[in-house]
Amino acid sequence: MGALWIAHVTVTDVDAYSKYAELAGPAIAKHGGEFIARGGKFVQLEGKERPRNVVAKFPSVDVAVACYHSPEYQEALNHARGASERELMVIETSE
């Protein structure tokens, strides 16, 4: 089964976060991830609103979690820490 990586983000330091974005994209792609939504228009219907929302599709939950823990993604994540407030989840798709 496939999986979705869903992030809800408030950027607090644009310069540092841009370095995260520069490194995270290739790390995600290296693990078979493909962005299907990245910072586009959204309507918040419930819960805490975050101005940036990202969804990436992965081959499986295990692959998405392995991507998160990979050295490449962790290097990128070091730039997001302290530069953003975020929630991130991986959820299995029904396909």
N, C-alpha and C. Protein backbone atom coordinates (compact mmCIF):
# COMPACT_ATOMS: atom_id res chain seq x y z
N MET A 1 0.83 -1.19 0.00
CA MET A 1 0.00 0.00 0.00
C MET A 1 0.87 1.24 0.00
N GLY A 2 0.41 2.28 -0.67
CA GLY A 2 1.10 3.55 -0.70
C GLY A 2 0.92 4.30 0.60
N ALA A 3 1.56 5.45 0.69
CA ALA A 3 1.47 6.26 1.90
C ALA A 3 1.55 7.74 1.53
N LEU A 4 0.94 8.56 2.36
CA LEU A 4 1.02 10.01 2.22
C LEU A 4 1.78 10.58 3.41
N TRP A 5 2.67 11.49 3.12
CA TRP A 5 3.44 12.25 4.11
C TRP A 5 2.76 13.61 4.12
N ILE A 6 2.19 14.00 5.24
CA ILE A 6 1.41 15.23 5.33
C ILE A 6 2.03 16.14 6.38
N ALA A 7 2.41 17.33 5.95
CA ALA A 7 3.03 18.30 6.85
C ALA A 7 2.21 19.58 6.87
N HIS A 8 2.05 20.12 8.07
CA HIS A 8 1.39 21.41 8.28
C HIS A 8 2.43 22.30 8.96
N VAL A 9 2.75 23.44 8.35
CA VAL A 9 3.92 24.22 8.76
C VAL A 9 3.61 25.71 8.88
N THR A 10 4.16 26.31 9.92
CA THR A 10 4.26 27.76 10.04
C THR A 10 5.75 28.09 10.03
N VAL A 11 6.20 28.81 9.03
CA VAL A 11 7.60 29.18 8.92
C VAL A 11 7.85 30.41 9.78
N THR A 12 8.88 30.33 10.63
CA THR A 12 9.22 31.45 11.50
C THR A 12 10.55 32.10 11.12
N ASP A 13 11.36 31.43 10.30
CA ASP A 13 12.64 31.97 9.81
C ASP A 13 12.76 31.57 8.35
N VAL A 14 12.42 32.47 7.46
CA VAL A 14 12.34 32.18 6.03
C VAL A 14 13.69 31.73 5.46
N ASP A 15 14.77 32.38 5.85
CA ASP A 15 16.09 32.04 5.31
C ASP A 15 16.49 30.61 5.68
N ALA A 16 16.38 30.26 6.94
CA ALA A 16 16.74 28.91 7.38
C ALA A 16 15.81 27.88 6.76
N TYR A 17 14.54 28.19 6.69
CA TYR A 17 13.58 27.23 6.15
C TYR A 17 13.79 27.01 4.66
N SER A 18 14.26 28.03 3.96
CA SER A 18 14.51 27.85 2.53
C SER A 18 15.65 26.86 2.31
N LYS A 19 16.61 26.82 3.21
CA LYS A 19 17.69 25.83 3.13
C LYS A 19 17.12 24.43 3.37
N TYR A 20 16.19 24.31 4.32
CA TYR A 20 15.51 23.03 4.54
C TYR A 20 14.83 22.58 3.25
N ALA A 21 14.06 23.46 2.63
CA ALA A 21 13.31 23.11 1.43
C ALA A 21 14.26 22.69 0.30
N GLU A 22 15.38 23.37 0.19
CA GLU A 22 16.37 23.05 -0.84
C GLU A 22 16.91 21.63 -0.69
N LEU A 23 17.12 21.20 0.56
CA LEU A 23 17.68 19.87 0.82
C LEU A 23 16.62 18.78 0.94
N ALA A 24 15.44 19.14 1.43
CA ALA A 24 14.40 18.14 1.68
C ALA A 24 13.85 17.54 0.39
N GLY A 25 13.64 18.37 -0.63
CA GLY A 25 13.09 17.88 -1.89
C GLY A 25 13.88 16.73 -2.48
N PRO A 26 15.20 16.89 -2.65
CA PRO A 26 15.99 15.78 -3.17
C PRO A 26 16.01 14.55 -2.25
N ALA A 27 16.01 14.76 -0.95
CA ALA A 27 15.98 13.63 -0.02
C ALA A 27 14.69 12.84 -0.16
N ILE A 28 13.59 13.55 -0.29
CA ILE A 28 12.29 12.89 -0.47
C ILE A 28 12.24 12.16 -1.80
N ALA A 29 12.71 12.79 -2.86
CA ALA A 29 12.73 12.15 -4.18
C ALA A 29 13.61 10.90 -4.19
N LYS A 30 14.74 10.96 -3.49
CA LYS A 30 15.66 9.81 -3.42
C LYS A 30 14.97 8.58 -2.84
N HIS A 31 13.99 8.80 -1.99
CA HIS A 31 13.26 7.70 -1.36
C HIS A 31 11.94 7.39 -2.06
N GLY A 32 11.79 7.84 -3.27
CA GLY A 32 10.59 7.52 -4.04
C GLY A 32 9.41 8.42 -3.74
N GLY A 33 9.63 9.50 -3.00
CA GLY A 33 8.56 10.43 -2.68
C GLY A 33 8.29 11.38 -3.84
N GLU A 34 7.04 11.72 -3.99
CA GLU A 34 6.61 12.63 -5.06
C GLU A 34 5.63 13.63 -4.46
N PHE A 35 5.91 14.93 -4.60
CA PHE A 35 5.01 15.94 -4.07
C PHE A 35 3.72 15.98 -4.88
N ILE A 36 2.59 15.98 -4.17
CA ILE A 36 1.30 16.12 -4.85
C ILE A 36 0.59 17.41 -4.43
N ALA A 37 1.04 18.04 -3.35
CA ALA A 37 0.55 19.35 -2.93
C ALA A 37 1.68 20.00 -2.15
N ARG A 38 1.94 21.27 -2.47
CA ARG A 38 3.08 21.93 -1.83
C ARG A 38 2.80 23.42 -1.72
N GLY A 39 2.20 23.82 -0.59
CA GLY A 39 2.01 25.23 -0.33
C GLY A 39 0.91 25.91 -1.13
N GLY A 40 0.00 25.16 -1.70
CA GLY A 40 -1.05 25.76 -2.51
C GLY A 40 -2.21 26.29 -1.68
N LYS A 41 -3.21 26.76 -2.38
CA LYS A 41 -4.43 27.29 -1.75
C LYS A 41 -5.08 26.19 -0.92
N PHE A 42 -5.60 26.58 0.25
CA PHE A 42 -6.29 25.62 1.11
C PHE A 42 -7.39 26.34 1.88
N VAL A 43 -8.30 25.56 2.41
CA VAL A 43 -9.37 26.06 3.27
C VAL A 43 -9.31 25.26 4.56
N GLN A 44 -9.05 25.93 5.68
CA GLN A 44 -8.99 25.27 6.98
C GLN A 44 -10.40 25.15 7.52
N LEU A 45 -10.88 23.94 7.71
CA LEU A 45 -12.24 23.74 8.20
C LEU A 45 -12.28 23.40 9.68
N GLU A 46 -11.24 22.76 10.19
CA GLU A 46 -11.17 22.42 11.61
C GLU A 46 -9.71 22.43 12.05
N GLY A 47 -9.49 22.57 13.35
CA GLY A 47 -8.15 22.46 13.90
C GLY A 47 -7.31 23.70 13.70
N LYS A 48 -6.02 23.55 14.05
CA LYS A 48 -5.08 24.67 13.98
C LYS A 48 -4.65 24.92 12.54
N GLU A 49 -4.77 26.16 12.13
CA GLU A 49 -4.37 26.53 10.77
C GLU A 49 -2.87 26.77 10.71
N ARG A 50 -2.25 26.20 9.70
CA ARG A 50 -0.85 26.45 9.37
C ARG A 50 -0.83 26.97 7.94
N PRO A 51 -0.07 28.03 7.66
CA PRO A 51 -0.12 28.63 6.32
C PRO A 51 0.53 27.80 5.22
N ARG A 52 1.36 26.81 5.57
CA ARG A 52 2.00 25.99 4.54
C ARG A 52 1.63 24.53 4.79
N ASN A 53 1.13 23.89 3.75
CA ASN A 53 0.71 22.49 3.85
C ASN A 53 1.33 21.73 2.68
N VAL A 54 1.91 20.56 2.98
CA VAL A 54 2.63 19.79 1.98
C VAL A 54 2.18 18.34 2.06
N VAL A 55 1.95 17.74 0.90
CA VAL A 55 1.60 16.32 0.83
C VAL A 55 2.52 15.67 -0.20
N ALA A 56 3.17 14.59 0.20
CA ALA A 56 4.00 13.80 -0.71
C ALA A 56 3.51 12.36 -0.68
N LYS A 57 3.60 11.72 -1.82
CA LYS A 57 3.17 10.32 -1.96
C LYS A 57 4.42 9.45 -1.96
N PHE A 58 4.39 8.36 -1.20
CA PHE A 58 5.48 7.39 -1.12
C PHE A 58 4.96 5.99 -1.44
N PRO A 59 5.86 5.08 -1.79
CA PRO A 59 5.43 3.71 -2.09
C PRO A 59 4.82 2.97 -0.90
N SER A 60 5.25 3.31 0.33
CA SER A 60 4.72 2.64 1.52
C SER A 60 5.01 3.47 2.76
N VAL A 61 4.36 3.14 3.86
CA VAL A 61 4.62 3.80 5.13
C VAL A 61 6.08 3.59 5.53
N ASP A 62 6.56 2.35 5.38
CA ASP A 62 7.94 2.05 5.77
C ASP A 62 8.95 2.89 5.00
N VAL A 63 8.73 3.08 3.71
CA VAL A 63 9.64 3.88 2.90
C VAL A 63 9.58 5.35 3.34
N ALA A 64 8.39 5.86 3.62
CA ALA A 64 8.25 7.26 4.07
C ALA A 64 8.95 7.47 5.40
N VAL A 65 8.80 6.54 6.31
CA VAL A 65 9.44 6.66 7.62
C VAL A 65 10.96 6.53 7.47
N ALA A 66 11.41 5.63 6.61
CA ALA A 66 12.85 5.50 6.35
C ALA A 66 13.41 6.80 5.77
N CYS A 67 12.66 7.45 4.91
CA CYS A 67 13.07 8.74 4.36
C CYS A 67 13.25 9.74 5.49
N TYR A 68 12.29 9.83 6.37
CA TYR A 68 12.36 10.77 7.49
C TYR A 68 13.63 10.56 8.31
N HIS A 69 13.97 9.31 8.56
CA HIS A 69 15.13 8.98 9.40
C HIS A 69 16.45 8.95 8.63
N SER A 70 16.41 9.15 7.32
CA SER A 70 17.62 9.09 6.51
C SER A 70 18.57 10.24 6.84
N PRO A 71 19.87 10.02 6.65
CA PRO A 71 20.82 11.12 6.90
C PRO A 71 20.53 12.35 6.04
N GLU A 72 20.10 12.16 4.81
CA GLU A 72 19.82 13.29 3.92
C GLU A 72 18.67 14.14 4.44
N TYR A 73 17.60 13.48 4.86
CA TYR A 73 16.46 14.25 5.35
C TYR A 73 16.77 14.87 6.71
N GLN A 74 17.47 14.16 7.56
CA GLN A 74 17.82 14.71 8.87
C GLN A 74 18.71 15.95 8.73
N GLU A 75 19.60 15.95 7.72
CA GLU A 75 20.41 17.14 7.45
C GLU A 75 19.51 18.32 7.09
N ALA A 76 18.52 18.06 6.22
CA ALA A 76 17.56 19.10 5.86
C ALA A 76 16.77 19.56 7.08
N LEU A 77 16.31 18.61 7.87
CA LEU A 77 15.47 18.91 9.03
C LEU A 77 16.20 19.79 10.05
N ASN A 78 17.51 19.68 10.12
CA ASN A 78 18.27 20.54 11.03
C ASN A 78 18.03 22.02 10.73
N HIS A 79 17.74 22.35 9.47
CA HIS A 79 17.47 23.75 9.10
C HIS A 79 16.03 24.17 9.43
N ALA A 80 15.13 23.20 9.53
CA ALA A 80 13.73 23.51 9.85
C ALA A 80 13.52 23.68 11.35
N ARG A 81 14.32 22.97 12.13
CA ARG A 81 14.20 23.09 13.59
C ARG A 81 14.57 24.51 14.00
N GLY A 82 13.72 25.14 14.76
CA GLY A 82 13.95 26.52 15.15
C GLY A 82 13.55 27.54 14.10
N ALA A 83 13.20 27.05 12.90
CA ALA A 83 12.79 27.94 11.81
C ALA A 83 11.34 27.73 11.44
N SER A 84 10.67 26.82 12.18
CA SER A 84 9.28 26.51 11.85
C SER A 84 8.60 25.82 13.02
N GLU A 85 7.29 25.90 12.99
CA GLU A 85 6.43 25.10 13.87
C GLU A 85 5.71 24.16 12.92
N ARG A 86 5.72 22.86 13.20
CA ARG A 86 5.18 21.93 12.22
C ARG A 86 4.64 20.67 12.85
N GLU A 87 3.72 20.07 12.15
CA GLU A 87 3.23 18.75 12.44
C GLU A 87 3.48 17.92 11.19
N LEU A 88 3.87 16.66 11.37
CA LEU A 88 4.14 15.78 10.24
C LEU A 88 3.59 14.40 10.57
N MET A 89 2.89 13.83 9.62
CA MET A 89 2.39 12.46 9.81
C MET A 89 2.54 11.69 8.51
N VAL A 90 2.59 10.38 8.64
CA VAL A 90 2.56 9.49 7.48
C VAL A 90 1.34 8.60 7.67
N ILE A 91 0.55 8.48 6.62
CA ILE A 91 -0.66 7.68 6.69
C ILE A 91 -0.75 6.77 5.47
N GLU A 92 -1.11 5.53 5.71
CA GLU A 92 -1.26 4.56 4.63
C GLU A 92 -2.48 4.90 3.77
N THR A 93 -2.33 4.78 2.47
CA THR A 93 -3.46 5.03 1.58
C THR A 93 -4.26 3.74 1.40
N SER A 94 -5.45 3.86 0.91
CA SER A 94 -6.31 2.69 0.72
C SER A 94 -6.15 2.08 -0.66
N GLU A 95 -5.22 2.59 -1.44
CA GLU A 95 -4.99 2.07 -2.79
C GLU A 95 -4.12 0.86 -2.77
